[in-house]
Every structure is written in C-alpha cells, then in structure tokens.
Amino acid sequence: MADLDKQHINLHLDAHTVGLDVPREQEPNYRKAAELLNRRYQYYLKLRPNASAEQLWMYTALEVAVALQSDAREKSLVPVEKQIKELNQQINNTINQ
C-alpha cells in the first residue's frame, strides 16, 4: 500500500538524469531541490570553469549541507528563545508587582 503513495520522477542534475520513486506529496520538494542544486552547480561552474564536475558537485553539496546545518541550528534555538522570552516576562512581572 505504501507504494501506491509514491510516484516515479526523473530529475535532471546537470548532465545526469536521476530516476526516483518518491512520496507523492514530496514530489514538488524534490523538483525544487533539483532546481536549487542546478542553480548552485551553475554558480560554481561560472566561478571555477576549470574545475571537474566532481569538484563542482562537492562545492554544491557542501554549500547545501552548510545551509541545512544552519537552518537546523536556528530551528533548534526557537524553543530556547521562547523560554527566554517567557522567563523575561515573568521577571518583569515580578519586578513590577
């Protein structure tokens, strides 16, 4: 039954075609991810025209991985920031009483 919720897509990453079976609701995310990777690959290709395809993909992967780590770190700080705001509010309420 899980296979029914998947669809086959082909993504084009530079000169490569990647066929994947992906969850149907995630299909747009895979296509957007492929677009992002292609844009970043083209950026590095312009920046380093003599680099090999392998090097360009490494630069691309590293950039995306760093962005993912930064995003994950920011999201993990949201609960902490909320708690700090609540504590500050409690302190201010106590001081103002």
PDB file of N, CA and C in Angstrom:
ATOM      1  N   MET A   1       0.819  -1.196   0.000  1.00  0.00           N
ATOM      2  CA  MET A   1       0.000   0.000   0.000  1.00  0.00           C
ATOM      3  C   MET A   1       0.859   1.254   0.000  1.00  0.00           C
ATOM      4  N   ALA A   2       2.008   1.199   0.654  1.00  0.00           N
ATOM      5  CA  ALA A   2       2.890   2.363   0.693  1.00  0.00           C
ATOM      6  C   ALA A   2       3.369   2.733  -0.701  1.00  0.00           C
ATOM      7  N   ASP A   3       3.550   1.731  -1.580  1.00  0.00           N
ATOM      8  CA  ASP A   3       3.995   2.010  -2.944  1.00  0.00           C
ATOM      9  C   ASP A   3       2.965   2.819  -3.724  1.00  0.00           C
ATOM     10  N   LEU A   4       1.683   2.703  -3.352  1.00  0.00           N
ATOM     11  CA  LEU A   4       0.644   3.452  -4.036  1.00  0.00           C
ATOM     12  C   LEU A   4       0.769   4.945  -3.781  1.00  0.00           C
ATOM     13  N   ASP A   5       1.392   5.315  -2.673  1.00  0.00           N
ATOM     14  CA  ASP A   5       1.553   6.712  -2.327  1.00  0.00           C
ATOM     15  C   ASP A   5       2.802   7.319  -2.948  1.00  0.00           C
ATOM     16  N   LYS A   6       3.478   6.551  -3.804  1.00  0.00           N
ATOM     17  CA  LYS A   6       4.708   7.032  -4.425  1.00  0.00           C
ATOM     18  C   LYS A   6       4.504   7.226  -5.916  1.00  0.00           C
ATOM     19  N   GLN A   7       5.350   8.049  -6.473  1.00  0.00           N
ATOM     20  CA  GLN A   7       5.330   8.224  -7.915  1.00  0.00           C
ATOM     21  C   GLN A   7       6.757   8.282  -8.417  1.00  0.00           C
ATOM     22  N   HIS A   8       6.936   7.876  -9.648  1.00  0.00           N
ATOM     23  CA  HIS A   8       8.261   7.875 -10.245  1.00  0.00           C
ATOM     24  C   HIS A   8       8.482   9.229 -10.910  1.00  0.00           C
ATOM     25  N   ILE A   9       9.639   9.841 -10.623  1.00  0.00           N
ATOM     26  CA  ILE A   9      10.005  11.098 -11.270  1.00  0.00           C
ATOM     27  C   ILE A   9      11.429  10.983 -11.778  1.00  0.00           C
ATOM     28  N   ASN A  10      11.726  11.774 -12.795  1.00  0.00           N
ATOM     29  CA  ASN A  10      13.085  11.899 -13.308  1.00  0.00           C
ATOM     30  C   ASN A  10      13.545  13.321 -13.059  1.00  0.00           C
ATOM     31  N   LEU A  11      14.665  13.449 -12.393  1.00  0.00           N
ATOM     32  CA  LEU A  11      15.244  14.764 -12.130  1.00  0.00           C
ATOM     33  C   LEU A  11      16.510  14.907 -12.955  1.00  0.00           C
ATOM     34  N   HIS A  12      16.712  16.092 -13.474  1.00  0.00           N
ATOM     35  CA  HIS A  12      17.909  16.368 -14.261  1.00  0.00           C
ATOM     36  C   HIS A  12      18.855  17.209 -13.417  1.00  0.00           C
ATOM     37  N   LEU A  13      20.006  16.646 -13.128  1.00  0.00           N
ATOM     38  CA  LEU A  13      21.041  17.331 -12.360  1.00  0.00           C
ATOM     39  C   LEU A  13      22.251  17.462 -13.266  1.00  0.00           C
ATOM     40  N   ASP A  14      22.442  18.664 -13.777  1.00  0.00           N
ATOM     41  CA  ASP A  14      23.469  18.936 -14.765  1.00  0.00           C
ATOM     42  C   ASP A  14      23.262  17.979 -15.936  1.00  0.00           C
ATOM     43  N   ALA A  15      24.244  17.164 -16.252  1.00  0.00           N
ATOM     44  CA  ALA A  15      24.135  16.262 -17.402  1.00  0.00           C
ATOM     45  C   ALA A  15      23.560  14.905 -17.015  1.00  0.00           C
ATOM     46  N   HIS A  16      23.135  14.752 -15.792  1.00  0.00           N
ATOM     47  CA  HIS A  16      22.675  13.460 -15.285  1.00  0.00           C
ATOM     48  C   HIS A  16      21.158  13.457 -15.095  1.00  0.00           C
ATOM     49  N   THR A  17      20.580  12.307 -15.330  1.00  0.00           N
ATOM     50  CA  THR A  17      19.164  12.107 -15.035  1.00  0.00           C
ATOM     51  C   THR A  17      19.073  11.091 -13.907  1.00  0.00           C
ATOM     52  N   VAL A  18      18.303  11.453 -12.891  1.00  0.00           N
ATOM     53  CA  VAL A  18      18.141  10.592 -11.732  1.00  0.00           C
ATOM     54  C   VAL A  18      16.669  10.198 -11.650  1.00  0.00           C
ATOM     55  N   GLY A  19      16.413   8.905 -11.688  1.00  0.00           N
ATOM     56  CA  GLY A  19      15.054   8.408 -11.531  1.00  0.00           C
ATOM     57  C   GLY A  19      14.817   7.981 -10.100  1.00  0.00           C
ATOM     58  N   LEU A  20      13.718   8.451  -9.542  1.00  0.00           N
ATOM     59  CA  LEU A  20      13.412   8.152  -8.136  1.00  0.00           C
ATOM     60  C   LEU A  20      11.932   7.844  -7.970  1.00  0.00           C
ATOM     61  N   ASP A  21      11.629   6.972  -7.016  1.00  0.00           N
ATOM     62  CA  ASP A  21      10.255   6.787  -6.569  1.00  0.00           C
ATOM     63  C   ASP A  21      10.130   7.563  -5.265  1.00  0.00           C
ATOM     64  N   VAL A  22       9.288   8.589  -5.289  1.00  0.00           N
ATOM     65  CA  VAL A  22       9.194   9.499  -4.146  1.00  0.00           C
ATOM     66  C   VAL A  22       7.759   9.546  -3.634  1.00  0.00           C
ATOM     67  N   PRO A  23       7.596   9.866  -2.350  1.00  0.00           N
ATOM     68  CA  PRO A  23       6.237  10.062  -1.848  1.00  0.00           C
ATOM     69  C   PRO A  23       5.532  11.143  -2.664  1.00  0.00           C
ATOM     70  N   ARG A  24       4.323  10.868  -3.068  1.00  0.00           N
ATOM     71  CA  ARG A  24       3.582  11.772  -3.968  1.00  0.00           C
ATOM     72  C   ARG A  24       3.542  13.208  -3.434  1.00  0.00           C
ATOM     73  N   GLU A  25       3.321  13.355  -2.123  1.00  0.00           N
ATOM     74  CA  GLU A  25       3.211  14.709  -1.559  1.00  0.00           C
ATOM     75  C   GLU A  25       4.556  15.424  -1.503  1.00  0.00           C
ATOM     76  N   GLN A  26       5.662  14.686  -1.644  1.00  0.00           N
ATOM     77  CA  GLN A  26       7.001  15.286  -1.607  1.00  0.00           C
ATOM     78  C   GLN A  26       7.549  15.616  -2.995  1.00  0.00           C
ATOM     79  N   GLU A  27       6.836  15.231  -4.035  1.00  0.00           N
ATOM     80  CA  GLU A  27       7.326  15.424  -5.401  1.00  0.00           C
ATOM     81  C   GLU A  27       7.723  16.874  -5.702  1.00  0.00           C
ATOM     82  N   PRO A  28       6.905  17.871  -5.333  1.00  0.00           N
ATOM     83  CA  PRO A  28       7.325  19.247  -5.596  1.00  0.00           C
ATOM     84  C   PRO A  28       8.624  19.616  -4.874  1.00  0.00           C
ATOM     85  N   ASN A  29       8.829  19.079  -3.679  1.00  0.00           N
ATOM     86  CA  ASN A  29      10.055  19.381  -2.935  1.00  0.00           C
ATOM     87  C   ASN A  29      11.278  18.807  -3.633  1.00  0.00           C
ATOM     88  N   TYR A  30      11.149  17.613  -4.193  1.00  0.00           N
ATOM     89  CA  TYR A  30      12.267  17.022  -4.930  1.00  0.00           C
ATOM     90  C   TYR A  30      12.599  17.862  -6.155  1.00  0.00           C
ATOM     91  N   ARG A  31      11.582  18.336  -6.850  1.00  0.00           N
ATOM     92  CA  ARG A  31      11.825  19.152  -8.052  1.00  0.00           C
ATOM     93  C   ARG A  31      12.479  20.495  -7.690  1.00  0.00           C
ATOM     94  N   LYS A  32      12.009  21.105  -6.604  1.00  0.00           N
ATOM     95  CA  LYS A  32      12.611  22.367  -6.150  1.00  0.00           C
ATOM     96  C   LYS A  32      14.052  22.146  -5.707  1.00  0.00           C
ATOM     97  N   ALA A  33      14.294  21.024  -5.043  1.00  0.00           N
ATOM     98  CA  ALA A  33      15.662  20.706  -4.610  1.00  0.00           C
ATOM     99  C   ALA A  33      16.577  20.541  -5.820  1.00  0.00           C
ATOM    100  N   ALA A  34      16.084  19.862  -6.845  1.00  0.00           N
ATOM    101  CA  ALA A  34      16.887  19.687  -8.064  1.00  0.00           C
ATOM    102  C   ALA A  34      17.176  21.038  -8.713  1.00  0.00           C
ATOM    103  N   GLU A  35      16.190  21.927  -8.736  1.00  0.00           N
ATOM    104  CA  GLU A  35      16.403  23.271  -9.293  1.00  0.00           C
ATOM    105  C   GLU A  35      17.475  24.019  -8.504  1.00  0.00           C
ATOM    106  N   LEU A  36      17.391  23.925  -7.181  1.00  0.00           N
ATOM    107  CA  LEU A  36      18.388  24.580  -6.327  1.00  0.00           C
ATOM    108  C   LEU A  36      19.781  24.029  -6.614  1.00  0.00           C
ATOM    109  N   LEU A  37      19.904  22.725  -6.670  1.00  0.00           N
ATOM    110  CA  LEU A  37      21.209  22.114  -6.931  1.00  0.00           C
ATOM    111  C   LEU A  37      21.752  22.547  -8.286  1.00  0.00           C
ATOM    112  N   ASN A  38      20.908  22.592  -9.284  1.00  0.00           N
ATOM    113  CA  ASN A  38      21.360  23.014 -10.614  1.00  0.00           C
ATOM    114  C   ASN A  38      21.810  24.477 -10.620  1.00  0.00           C
ATOM    115  N   ARG A  39      21.082  25.330  -9.919  1.00  0.00           N
ATOM    116  CA  ARG A  39      21.486  26.752  -9.847  1.00  0.00           C
ATOM    117  C   ARG A  39      22.838  26.895  -9.165  1.00  0.00           C
ATOM    118  N   ARG A  40      23.012  26.197  -8.042  1.00  0.00           N
ATOM    119  CA  ARG A  40      24.279  26.303  -7.308  1.00  0.00           C
ATOM    120  C   ARG A  40      25.417  25.683  -8.114  1.00  0.00           C
ATOM    121  N   TYR A  41      25.161  24.586  -8.796  1.00  0.00           N
ATOM    122  CA  TYR A  41      26.176  23.961  -9.649  1.00  0.00           C
ATOM    123  C   TYR A  41      26.609  24.951 -10.735  1.00  0.00           C
ATOM    124  N   GLN A  42      25.648  25.605 -11.368  1.00  0.00           N
ATOM    125  CA  GLN A  42      25.971  26.581 -12.420  1.00  0.00           C
ATOM    126  C   GLN A  42      26.762  27.757 -11.849  1.00  0.00           C
ATOM    127  N   TYR A  43      26.430  28.162 -10.639  1.00  0.00           N
ATOM    128  CA  TYR A  43      27.177  29.232  -9.973  1.00  0.00           C
ATOM    129  C   TYR A  43      28.647  28.833  -9.833  1.00  0.00           C
ATOM    130  N   TYR A  44      28.895  27.637  -9.324  1.00  0.00           N
ATOM    131  CA  TYR A  44      30.277  27.189  -9.130  1.00  0.00           C
ATOM    132  C   TYR A  44      30.970  26.931 -10.460  1.00  0.00           C
ATOM    133  N   LEU A  45      30.221  26.527 -11.465  1.00  0.00           N
ATOM    134  CA  LEU A  45      30.802  26.338 -12.796  1.00  0.00           C
ATOM    135  C   LEU A  45      31.314  27.667 -13.347  1.00  0.00           C
ATOM    136  N   LYS A  46      30.557  28.735 -13.140  1.00  0.00           N
ATOM    137  CA  LYS A  46      30.997  30.065 -13.583  1.00  0.00           C
ATOM    138  C   LYS A  46      32.170  30.553 -12.748  1.00  0.00           C
ATOM    139  N   LEU A  47      32.123  30.253 -11.460  1.00  0.00           N
ATOM    140  CA  LEU A  47      33.175  30.692 -10.546  1.00  0.00           C
ATOM    141  C   LEU A  47      34.485  29.942 -10.794  1.00  0.00           C
ATOM    142  N   ARG A  48      34.386  28.673 -11.114  1.00  0.00           N
ATOM    143  CA  ARG A  48      35.556  27.808 -11.303  1.00  0.00           C
ATOM    144  C   ARG A  48      35.401  27.000 -12.591  1.00  0.00           C
ATOM    145  N   PRO A  49      35.554  27.665 -13.743  1.00  0.00           N
ATOM    146  CA  PRO A  49      35.301  26.990 -15.020  1.00  0.00           C
ATOM    147  C   PRO A  49      36.236  25.814 -15.318  1.00  0.00           C
ATOM    148  N   ASN A  50      37.373  25.755 -14.680  1.00  0.00           N
ATOM    149  CA  ASN A  50      38.309  24.659 -14.933  1.00  0.00           C
ATOM    150  C   ASN A  50      38.165  23.499 -13.955  1.00  0.00           C
ATOM    151  N   ALA A  51      37.246  23.608 -13.020  1.00  0.00           N
ATOM    152  CA  ALA A  51      37.051  22.542 -12.034  1.00  0.00           C
ATOM    153  C   ALA A  51      36.348  21.359 -12.700  1.00  0.00           C
ATOM    154  N   SER A  52      36.625  20.182 -12.178  1.00  0.00           N
ATOM    155  CA  SER A  52      35.960  18.981 -12.689  1.00  0.00           C
ATOM    156  C   SER A  52      34.511  18.961 -12.200  1.00  0.00           C
ATOM    157  N   ALA A  53      33.694  18.170 -12.862  1.00  0.00           N
ATOM    158  CA  ALA A  53      32.300  18.028 -12.440  1.00  0.00           C
ATOM    159  C   ALA A  53      32.240  17.521 -11.002  1.00  0.00           C
ATOM    160  N   GLU A  54      33.139  16.605 -10.670  1.00  0.00           N
ATOM    161  CA  GLU A  54      33.171  16.070  -9.305  1.00  0.00           C
ATOM    162  C   GLU A  54      33.439  17.172  -8.283  1.00  0.00           C
ATOM    163  N   GLN A  55      34.389  18.043  -8.581  1.00  0.00           N
ATOM    164  CA  GLN A  55      34.687  19.161  -7.670  1.00  0.00           C
ATOM    165  C   GLN A  55      33.496  20.107  -7.559  1.00  0.00           C
ATOM    166  N   LEU A  56      32.858  20.385  -8.684  1.00  0.00           N
ATOM    167  CA  LEU A  56      31.713  21.295  -8.668  1.00  0.00           C
ATOM    168  C   LEU A  56      30.573  20.722  -7.826  1.00  0.00           C
ATOM    169  N   TRP A  57      30.352  19.407  -7.942  1.00  0.00           N
ATOM    170  CA  TRP A  57      29.310  18.790  -7.127  1.00  0.00           C
ATOM    171  C   TRP A  57      29.687  18.795  -5.654  1.00  0.00           C
ATOM    172  N   MET A  58      30.977  18.682  -5.348  1.00  0.00           N
ATOM    173  CA  MET A  58      31.397  18.745  -3.944  1.00  0.00           C
ATOM    174  C   MET A  58      31.146  20.137  -3.377  1.00  0.00           C
ATOM    175  N   TYR A  59      31.482  21.186  -4.141  1.00  0.00           N
ATOM    176  CA  TYR A  59      31.203  22.549  -3.684  1.00  0.00           C
ATOM    177  C   TYR A  59      29.701  22.732  -3.474  1.00  0.00           C
ATOM    178  N   THR A  60      28.918  22.232  -4.413  1.00  0.00           N
ATOM    179  CA  THR A  60      27.465  22.357  -4.328  1.00  0.00           C
ATOM    180  C   THR A  60      26.934  21.633  -3.101  1.00  0.00           C
ATOM    181  N   ALA A  61      27.367  20.400  -2.907  1.00  0.00           N
ATOM    182  CA  ALA A  61      26.909  19.602  -1.764  1.00  0.00           C
ATOM    183  C   ALA A  61      27.303  20.258  -0.446  1.00  0.00           C
ATOM    184  N   LEU A  62      28.523  20.770  -0.389  1.00  0.00           N
ATOM    185  CA  LEU A  62      28.979  21.410   0.845  1.00  0.00           C
ATOM    186  C   LEU A  62      28.138  22.635   1.173  1.00  0.00           C
ATOM    187  N   GLU A  63      27.848  23.448   0.159  1.00  0.00           N
ATOM    188  CA  GLU A  63      27.040  24.639   0.398  1.00  0.00           C
ATOM    189  C   GLU A  63      25.647  24.267   0.910  1.00  0.00           C
ATOM    190  N   VAL A  64      25.037  23.278   0.281  1.00  0.00           N
ATOM    191  CA  VAL A  64      23.697  22.863   0.692  1.00  0.00           C
ATOM    192  C   VAL A  64      23.729  22.258   2.096  1.00  0.00           C
ATOM    193  N   ALA A  65      24.751  21.482   2.408  1.00  0.00           N
ATOM    194  CA  ALA A  65      24.872  20.879   3.739  1.00  0.00           C
ATOM    195  C   ALA A  65      25.054  21.952   4.810  1.00  0.00           C
ATOM    196  N   VAL A  66      25.850  22.972   4.524  1.00  0.00           N
ATOM    197  CA  VAL A  66      26.046  24.064   5.492  1.00  0.00           C
ATOM    198  C   VAL A  66      24.728  24.809   5.711  1.00  0.00           C
ATOM    199  N   ALA A  67      24.001  25.058   4.646  1.00  0.00           N
ATOM    200  CA  ALA A  67      22.703  25.733   4.775  1.00  0.00           C
ATOM    201  C   ALA A  67      21.746  24.889   5.604  1.00  0.00           C
ATOM    202  N   LEU A  68      21.754  23.582   5.390  1.00  0.00           N
ATOM    203  CA  LEU A  68      20.903  22.678   6.155  1.00  0.00           C
ATOM    204  C   LEU A  68      21.270  22.703   7.631  1.00  0.00           C
ATOM    205  N   GLN A  69      22.558  22.670   7.938  1.00  0.00           N
ATOM    206  CA  GLN A  69      23.005  22.717   9.335  1.00  0.00           C
ATOM    207  C   GLN A  69      22.624  24.040   9.989  1.00  0.00           C
ATOM    208  N   SER A  70      22.799  25.139   9.275  1.00  0.00           N
ATOM    209  CA  SER A  70      22.444  26.454   9.812  1.00  0.00           C
ATOM    210  C   SER A  70      20.948  26.533  10.094  1.00  0.00           C
ATOM    211  N   ASP A  71      20.152  26.016   9.155  1.00  0.00           N
ATOM    212  CA  ASP A  71      18.704  26.029   9.321  1.00  0.00           C
ATOM    213  C   ASP A  71      18.294  25.177  10.522  1.00  0.00           C
ATOM    214  N   ALA A  72      18.907  24.006  10.646  1.00  0.00           N
ATOM    215  CA  ALA A  72      18.591  23.120  11.779  1.00  0.00           C
ATOM    216  C   ALA A  72      18.960  23.778  13.092  1.00  0.00           C
ATOM    217  N   ARG A  73      20.088  24.460  13.132  1.00  0.00           N
ATOM    218  CA  ARG A  73      20.519  25.136  14.369  1.00  0.00           C
ATOM    219  C   ARG A  73      19.552  26.248  14.737  1.00  0.00           C
ATOM    220  N   GLU A  74      19.150  27.042  13.733  1.00  0.00           N
ATOM    221  CA  GLU A  74      18.202  28.124  14.008  1.00  0.00           C
ATOM    222  C   GLU A  74      16.881  27.575  14.532  1.00  0.00           C
ATOM    223  N   LYS A  75      16.397  26.482  13.939  1.00  0.00           N
ATOM    224  CA  LYS A  75      15.136  25.891  14.391  1.00  0.00           C
ATOM    225  C   LYS A  75      15.257  25.337  15.799  1.00  0.00           C
ATOM    226  N   SER A  76      16.425  24.798  16.133  1.00  0.00           N
ATOM    227  CA  SER A  76      16.597  24.241  17.477  1.00  0.00           C
ATOM    228  C   SER A  76      16.655  25.339  18.528  1.00  0.00           C
ATOM    229  N   LEU A  77      16.975  26.558  18.122  1.00  0.00           N
ATOM    230  CA  LEU A  77      17.032  27.671  19.068  1.00  0.00           C
ATOM    231  C   LEU A  77      15.667  28.304  19.325  1.00  0.00           C
ATOM    232  N   VAL A  78      14.694  28.041  18.485  1.00  0.00           N
ATOM    233  CA  VAL A  78      13.380  28.657  18.639  1.00  0.00           C
ATOM    234  C   VAL A  78      12.768  28.338  20.004  1.00  0.00           C
ATOM    235  N   PRO A  79      12.754  27.069  20.452  1.00  0.00           N
ATOM    236  CA  PRO A  79      12.186  26.799  21.786  1.00  0.00           C
ATOM    237  C   PRO A  79      12.952  27.515  22.906  1.00  0.00           C
ATOM    238  N   VAL A  80      14.249  27.618  22.774  1.00  0.00           N
ATOM    239  CA  VAL A  80      15.065  28.295  23.788  1.00  0.00           C
ATOM    240  C   VAL A  80      14.718  29.774  23.821  1.00  0.00           C
ATOM    241  N   GLU A  81      14.591  30.377  22.651  1.00  0.00           N
ATOM    242  CA  GLU A  81      14.243  31.796  22.596  1.00  0.00           C
ATOM    243  C   GLU A  81      12.863  32.040  23.205  1.00  0.00           C
ATOM    244  N   LYS A  82      11.942  31.120  22.950  1.00  0.00           N
ATOM    245  CA  LYS A  82      10.599  31.249  23.528  1.00  0.00           C
ATOM    246  C   LYS A  82      10.659  31.176  25.049  1.00  0.00           C
ATOM    247  N   GLN A  83      11.438  30.246  25.577  1.00  0.00           N
ATOM    248  CA  GLN A  83      11.569  30.115  27.028  1.00  0.00           C
ATOM    249  C   GLN A  83      12.209  31.360  27.629  1.00  0.00           C
ATOM    250  N   ILE A  84      13.206  31.901  26.963  1.00  0.00           N
ATOM    251  CA  ILE A  84      13.868  33.116  27.466  1.00  0.00           C
ATOM    252  C   ILE A  84      12.871  34.270  27.510  1.00  0.00           C
ATOM    253  N   LYS A  85      12.061  34.418  26.473  1.00  0.00           N
ATOM    254  CA  LYS A  85      11.059  35.486  26.464  1.00  0.00           C
ATOM    255  C   LYS A  85      10.065  35.302  27.601  1.00  0.00           C
ATOM    256  N   GLU A  86       9.630  34.054  27.823  1.00  0.00           N
ATOM    257  CA  GLU A  86       8.685  33.788  28.914  1.00  0.00           C
ATOM    258  C   GLU A  86       9.306  34.098  30.271  1.00  0.00           C
ATOM    259  N   LEU A  87      10.574  33.701  30.460  1.00  0.00           N
ATOM    260  CA  LEU A  87      11.264  33.989  31.722  1.00  0.00           C
ATOM    261  C   LEU A  87      11.436  35.490  31.917  1.00  0.00           C
ATOM    262  N   ASN A  88      11.797  36.196  30.856  1.00  0.00           N
ATOM    263  CA  ASN A  88      11.929  37.655  30.958  1.00  0.00           C
ATOM    264  C   ASN A  88      10.601  38.297  31.329  1.00  0.00           C
ATOM    265  N   GLN A  89       9.511  37.787  30.760  1.00  0.00           N
ATOM    266  CA  GLN A  89       8.198  38.319  31.088  1.00  0.00           C
ATOM    267  C   GLN A  89       7.867  38.065  32.558  1.00  0.00           C
ATOM    268  N   GLN A  90       8.181  36.867  33.042  1.00  0.00           N
ATOM    269  CA  GLN A  90       7.933  36.546  34.449  1.00  0.00           C
ATOM    270  C   GLN A  90       8.767  37.440  35.358  1.00  0.00           C
ATOM    271  N   ILE A  91      10.033  37.665  34.993  1.00  0.00           N
ATOM    272  CA  ILE A  91      10.904  38.544  35.792  1.00  0.00           C
ATOM    273  C   ILE A  91      10.331  39.961  35.810  1.00  0.00           C
ATOM    274  N   ASN A  92       9.939  40.454  34.637  1.00  0.00           N
ATOM    275  CA  ASN A  92       9.383  41.802  34.574  1.00  0.00           C
ATOM    276  C   ASN A  92       8.087  41.913  35.379  1.00  0.00           C
ATOM    277  N   ASN A  93       7.251  40.888  35.314  1.00  0.00           N
ATOM    278  CA  ASN A  93       6.014  40.895  36.113  1.00  0.00           C
ATOM    279  C   ASN A  93       6.320  40.924  37.600  1.00  0.00           C
ATOM    280  N   THR A  94       7.325  40.146  38.022  1.00  0.00           N
ATOM    281  CA  THR A  94       7.701  40.102  39.428  1.00  0.00           C
ATOM    282  C   THR A  94       8.266  41.439  39.884  1.00  0.00           C
ATOM    283  N   ILE A  95       9.080  42.047  39.077  1.00  0.00           N
ATOM    284  CA  ILE A  95       9.696  43.336  39.409  1.00  0.00           C
ATOM    285  C   ILE A  95       8.626  44.420  39.497  1.00  0.00           C
ATOM    286  N   ASN A  96       7.658  44.398  38.620  1.00  0.00           N
ATOM    287  CA  ASN A  96       6.635  45.427  38.561  1.00  0.00           C
ATOM    288  C   ASN A  96       5.531  45.265  39.607  1.00  0.00           C
ATOM    289  N   GLN A  97       5.553  44.169  40.378  1.00  0.00           N
ATOM    290  CA  GLN A  97       4.493  43.960  41.381  1.00  0.00           C
ATOM    291  C   GLN A  97       4.739  44.788  42.605  1.00  0.00           C
TER     292      GLN A  97
END
